[in-house]
Amino acid sequence: MEKQTNEQKIKEIIDMLRPFLINDGGNIEFIKYENDIVYIQMMGACANCHMLDLTLKEGIEAAIKEEVPTVKEVINLKKEELS
């Protein structure tokens, strides 16, 4: 039950952040939440942005950890890693 609640919160946070990424030509997709790790995929301009690591760790990961403290890390999966 807690996993479902945490996953729902994570998805809501991602949905709140999405407009900011879209504004910069990018996007974000939730992939899965497993073993307290959030897996996402950055898309569009965000996928190859030189600021990706900063956006991921200090933006997305920080926002998620603030609401779901049990999250250990947010990992961006590249397209080829999803196959």
N, C-alpha and C. Protein backbone atom coordinates (compact mmCIF):
# COMPACT_ATOMS: atom_id res chain seq x y z
N MET A 1 0.82 -1.20 0.00
CA MET A 1 0.00 0.00 0.00
C MET A 1 0.86 1.26 0.00
N GLU A 2 1.94 1.25 0.83
CA GLU A 2 2.82 2.42 0.91
C GLU A 2 3.50 2.67 -0.44
N LYS A 3 3.90 1.58 -1.12
CA LYS A 3 4.54 1.75 -2.42
C LYS A 3 3.59 2.45 -3.39
N GLN A 4 2.32 2.06 -3.40
CA GLN A 4 1.34 2.69 -4.29
C GLN A 4 1.16 4.16 -3.94
N THR A 5 1.10 4.48 -2.66
CA THR A 5 0.94 5.86 -2.23
C THR A 5 2.16 6.68 -2.64
N ASN A 6 3.35 6.15 -2.39
CA ASN A 6 4.58 6.85 -2.78
C ASN A 6 4.66 7.03 -4.29
N GLU A 7 4.32 5.98 -5.02
CA GLU A 7 4.36 6.06 -6.48
C GLU A 7 3.39 7.13 -6.99
N GLN A 8 2.23 7.21 -6.40
CA GLN A 8 1.24 8.21 -6.81
C GLN A 8 1.77 9.62 -6.52
N LYS A 9 2.38 9.81 -5.35
CA LYS A 9 2.96 11.11 -5.02
C LYS A 9 4.06 11.49 -6.00
N ILE A 10 4.89 10.52 -6.34
CA ILE A 10 6.00 10.75 -7.28
C ILE A 10 5.44 11.18 -8.64
N LYS A 11 4.42 10.49 -9.11
CA LYS A 11 3.80 10.83 -10.39
C LYS A 11 3.21 12.24 -10.36
N GLU A 12 2.61 12.61 -9.23
CA GLU A 12 2.04 13.95 -9.09
C GLU A 12 3.12 15.02 -9.14
N ILE A 13 4.25 14.77 -8.50
CA ILE A 13 5.37 15.73 -8.51
C ILE A 13 5.91 15.87 -9.94
N ILE A 14 6.06 14.75 -10.62
CA ILE A 14 6.54 14.79 -12.01
C ILE A 14 5.56 15.58 -12.87
N ASP A 15 4.27 15.38 -12.66
CA ASP A 15 3.27 16.13 -13.42
C ASP A 15 3.35 17.63 -13.14
N MET A 16 3.70 18.00 -11.91
CA MET A 16 3.85 19.41 -11.58
C MET A 16 5.10 20.02 -12.22
N LEU A 17 6.15 19.22 -12.37
CA LEU A 17 7.41 19.69 -12.96
C LEU A 17 7.38 19.71 -14.49
N ARG A 18 6.56 18.86 -15.07
CA ARG A 18 6.51 18.69 -16.52
C ARG A 18 6.35 20.00 -17.30
N PRO A 19 5.44 20.92 -16.92
CA PRO A 19 5.29 22.16 -17.70
C PRO A 19 6.58 22.98 -17.81
N PHE A 20 7.40 22.96 -16.76
CA PHE A 20 8.66 23.70 -16.79
C PHE A 20 9.62 23.08 -17.80
N LEU A 21 9.63 21.76 -17.87
CA LEU A 21 10.50 21.07 -18.83
C LEU A 21 9.99 21.27 -20.25
N ILE A 22 8.69 21.20 -20.43
CA ILE A 22 8.09 21.40 -21.75
C ILE A 22 8.39 22.81 -22.25
N ASN A 23 8.38 23.76 -21.33
CA ASN A 23 8.70 25.16 -21.66
C ASN A 23 10.09 25.30 -22.26
N ASP A 24 11.00 24.42 -21.86
CA ASP A 24 12.37 24.44 -22.38
C ASP A 24 12.58 23.44 -23.51
N GLY A 25 11.49 22.90 -24.04
CA GLY A 25 11.59 21.98 -25.18
C GLY A 25 11.79 20.52 -24.79
N GLY A 26 11.64 20.21 -23.52
CA GLY A 26 11.85 18.83 -23.07
C GLY A 26 10.59 18.22 -22.50
N ASN A 27 10.77 17.10 -21.83
CA ASN A 27 9.67 16.42 -21.17
C ASN A 27 10.26 15.36 -20.26
N ILE A 28 9.41 14.77 -19.45
CA ILE A 28 9.82 13.73 -18.51
C ILE A 28 8.75 12.66 -18.48
N GLU A 29 9.20 11.41 -18.38
CA GLU A 29 8.25 10.30 -18.30
C GLU A 29 8.62 9.43 -17.11
N PHE A 30 7.63 9.11 -16.29
CA PHE A 30 7.81 8.17 -15.18
C PHE A 30 7.92 6.77 -15.77
N ILE A 31 8.93 6.02 -15.36
CA ILE A 31 9.10 4.64 -15.84
C ILE A 31 8.65 3.65 -14.75
N LYS A 32 9.30 3.75 -13.56
CA LYS A 32 8.91 2.85 -12.47
C LYS A 32 9.49 3.34 -11.15
N TYR A 33 8.95 2.80 -10.07
CA TYR A 33 9.44 3.06 -8.72
C TYR A 33 9.71 1.70 -8.10
N GLU A 34 11.00 1.44 -7.80
CA GLU A 34 11.38 0.10 -7.36
C GLU A 34 12.53 0.20 -6.37
N ASN A 35 12.43 -0.47 -5.24
CA ASN A 35 13.47 -0.46 -4.21
C ASN A 35 13.87 0.96 -3.80
N ASP A 36 12.89 1.82 -3.65
CA ASP A 36 13.08 3.22 -3.26
C ASP A 36 13.89 4.04 -4.27
N ILE A 37 13.94 3.57 -5.50
CA ILE A 37 14.59 4.30 -6.59
C ILE A 37 13.54 4.61 -7.65
N VAL A 38 13.55 5.87 -8.10
CA VAL A 38 12.63 6.33 -9.13
C VAL A 38 13.36 6.30 -10.46
N TYR A 39 12.76 5.66 -11.44
CA TYR A 39 13.32 5.60 -12.79
C TYR A 39 12.46 6.46 -13.70
N ILE A 40 13.11 7.37 -14.38
CA ILE A 40 12.41 8.28 -15.29
C ILE A 40 13.15 8.28 -16.64
N GLN A 41 12.53 8.90 -17.62
CA GLN A 41 13.22 9.14 -18.88
C GLN A 41 13.02 10.60 -19.25
N MET A 42 14.15 11.29 -19.43
CA MET A 42 14.12 12.67 -19.89
C MET A 42 14.05 12.62 -21.41
N MET A 43 13.22 13.50 -21.99
CA MET A 43 12.99 13.47 -23.43
C MET A 43 13.15 14.85 -24.03
N GLY A 44 13.15 14.89 -25.35
CA GLY A 44 13.25 16.16 -26.07
C GLY A 44 14.57 16.85 -25.78
N ALA A 45 14.53 18.16 -25.64
CA ALA A 45 15.73 18.95 -25.41
C ALA A 45 16.42 18.54 -24.10
N CYS A 46 15.66 18.04 -23.15
CA CYS A 46 16.24 17.65 -21.85
C CYS A 46 17.14 16.42 -21.96
N ALA A 47 16.89 15.56 -22.92
CA ALA A 47 17.63 14.30 -23.03
C ALA A 47 19.12 14.52 -23.26
N ASN A 48 19.48 15.55 -23.99
CA ASN A 48 20.90 15.78 -24.31
C ASN A 48 21.41 17.11 -23.77
N CYS A 49 20.69 17.71 -22.86
CA CYS A 49 21.06 19.01 -22.32
C CYS A 49 22.30 18.90 -21.44
N HIS A 50 23.19 19.88 -21.56
CA HIS A 50 24.40 19.87 -20.73
C HIS A 50 24.08 20.13 -19.26
N MET A 51 22.87 20.58 -18.97
CA MET A 51 22.44 20.84 -17.59
C MET A 51 21.62 19.67 -17.02
N LEU A 52 21.58 18.56 -17.73
CA LEU A 52 20.74 17.43 -17.33
C LEU A 52 21.03 16.95 -15.91
N ASP A 53 22.30 16.77 -15.56
CA ASP A 53 22.64 16.26 -14.23
C ASP A 53 22.16 17.21 -13.14
N LEU A 54 22.34 18.50 -13.36
CA LEU A 54 21.89 19.50 -12.39
C LEU A 54 20.37 19.49 -12.27
N THR A 55 19.69 19.47 -13.40
CA THR A 55 18.22 19.43 -13.41
C THR A 55 17.73 18.17 -12.70
N LEU A 56 18.37 17.04 -12.98
CA LEU A 56 17.94 15.77 -12.42
C LEU A 56 18.14 15.73 -10.91
N LYS A 57 19.33 16.06 -10.44
CA LYS A 57 19.65 15.91 -9.01
C LYS A 57 19.12 17.06 -8.16
N GLU A 58 19.35 18.30 -8.57
CA GLU A 58 18.97 19.43 -7.74
C GLU A 58 17.54 19.91 -7.99
N GLY A 59 16.96 19.46 -9.07
CA GLY A 59 15.58 19.84 -9.37
C GLY A 59 14.62 18.71 -9.10
N ILE A 60 14.63 17.74 -9.98
CA ILE A 60 13.66 16.64 -9.93
C ILE A 60 13.84 15.77 -8.68
N GLU A 61 15.06 15.31 -8.46
CA GLU A 61 15.31 14.43 -7.31
C GLU A 61 15.02 15.15 -5.99
N ALA A 62 15.45 16.40 -5.87
CA ALA A 62 15.21 17.16 -4.64
C ALA A 62 13.72 17.35 -4.38
N ALA A 63 12.95 17.65 -5.42
CA ALA A 63 11.51 17.85 -5.27
C ALA A 63 10.83 16.55 -4.84
N ILE A 64 11.24 15.44 -5.42
CA ILE A 64 10.63 14.15 -5.08
C ILE A 64 11.00 13.75 -3.65
N LYS A 65 12.28 13.90 -3.29
CA LYS A 65 12.72 13.52 -1.94
C LYS A 65 12.07 14.37 -0.86
N GLU A 66 11.75 15.59 -1.17
CA GLU A 66 11.09 16.46 -0.20
C GLU A 66 9.72 15.91 0.18
N GLU A 67 9.01 15.38 -0.80
CA GLU A 67 7.66 14.85 -0.57
C GLU A 67 7.66 13.37 -0.20
N VAL A 68 8.65 12.63 -0.69
CA VAL A 68 8.74 11.19 -0.43
C VAL A 68 10.16 10.90 0.08
N PRO A 69 10.41 11.12 1.38
CA PRO A 69 11.76 11.01 1.94
C PRO A 69 12.40 9.62 1.81
N THR A 70 11.61 8.59 1.58
CA THR A 70 12.18 7.24 1.45
C THR A 70 12.89 7.03 0.10
N VAL A 71 12.68 7.94 -0.84
CA VAL A 71 13.34 7.81 -2.15
C VAL A 71 14.84 8.02 -1.97
N LYS A 72 15.62 7.07 -2.47
CA LYS A 72 17.08 7.14 -2.36
C LYS A 72 17.70 7.92 -3.52
N GLU A 73 17.11 7.74 -4.72
CA GLU A 73 17.73 8.30 -5.92
C GLU A 73 16.72 8.35 -7.05
N VAL A 74 16.97 9.26 -7.99
CA VAL A 74 16.20 9.32 -9.23
C VAL A 74 17.19 9.06 -10.36
N ILE A 75 16.89 8.09 -11.18
CA ILE A 75 17.78 7.68 -12.27
C ILE A 75 17.10 7.91 -13.61
N ASN A 76 17.82 8.59 -14.50
CA ASN A 76 17.34 8.82 -15.86
C ASN A 76 17.77 7.64 -16.73
N LEU A 77 16.82 6.94 -17.29
CA LEU A 77 17.12 5.84 -18.21
C LEU A 77 17.14 6.37 -19.64
N LYS A 78 18.19 6.06 -20.34
CA LYS A 78 18.27 6.46 -21.75
C LYS A 78 17.40 5.52 -22.56
N LYS A 79 17.00 5.98 -23.73
CA LYS A 79 16.08 5.21 -24.58
C LYS A 79 16.57 3.77 -24.80
N GLU A 80 17.86 3.62 -25.07
CA GLU A 80 18.40 2.27 -25.34
C GLU A 80 18.36 1.37 -24.11
N GLU A 81 18.30 1.96 -22.91
CA GLU A 81 18.24 1.16 -21.68
C GLU A 81 16.84 0.63 -21.42
N LEU A 82 15.85 1.18 -22.10
CA LEU A 82 14.47 0.75 -21.91
C LEU A 82 14.10 -0.47 -22.74
N SER A 83 14.88 -0.77 -23.73
CA SER A 83 14.56 -1.88 -24.63
C SER A 83 14.75 -3.23 -23.96
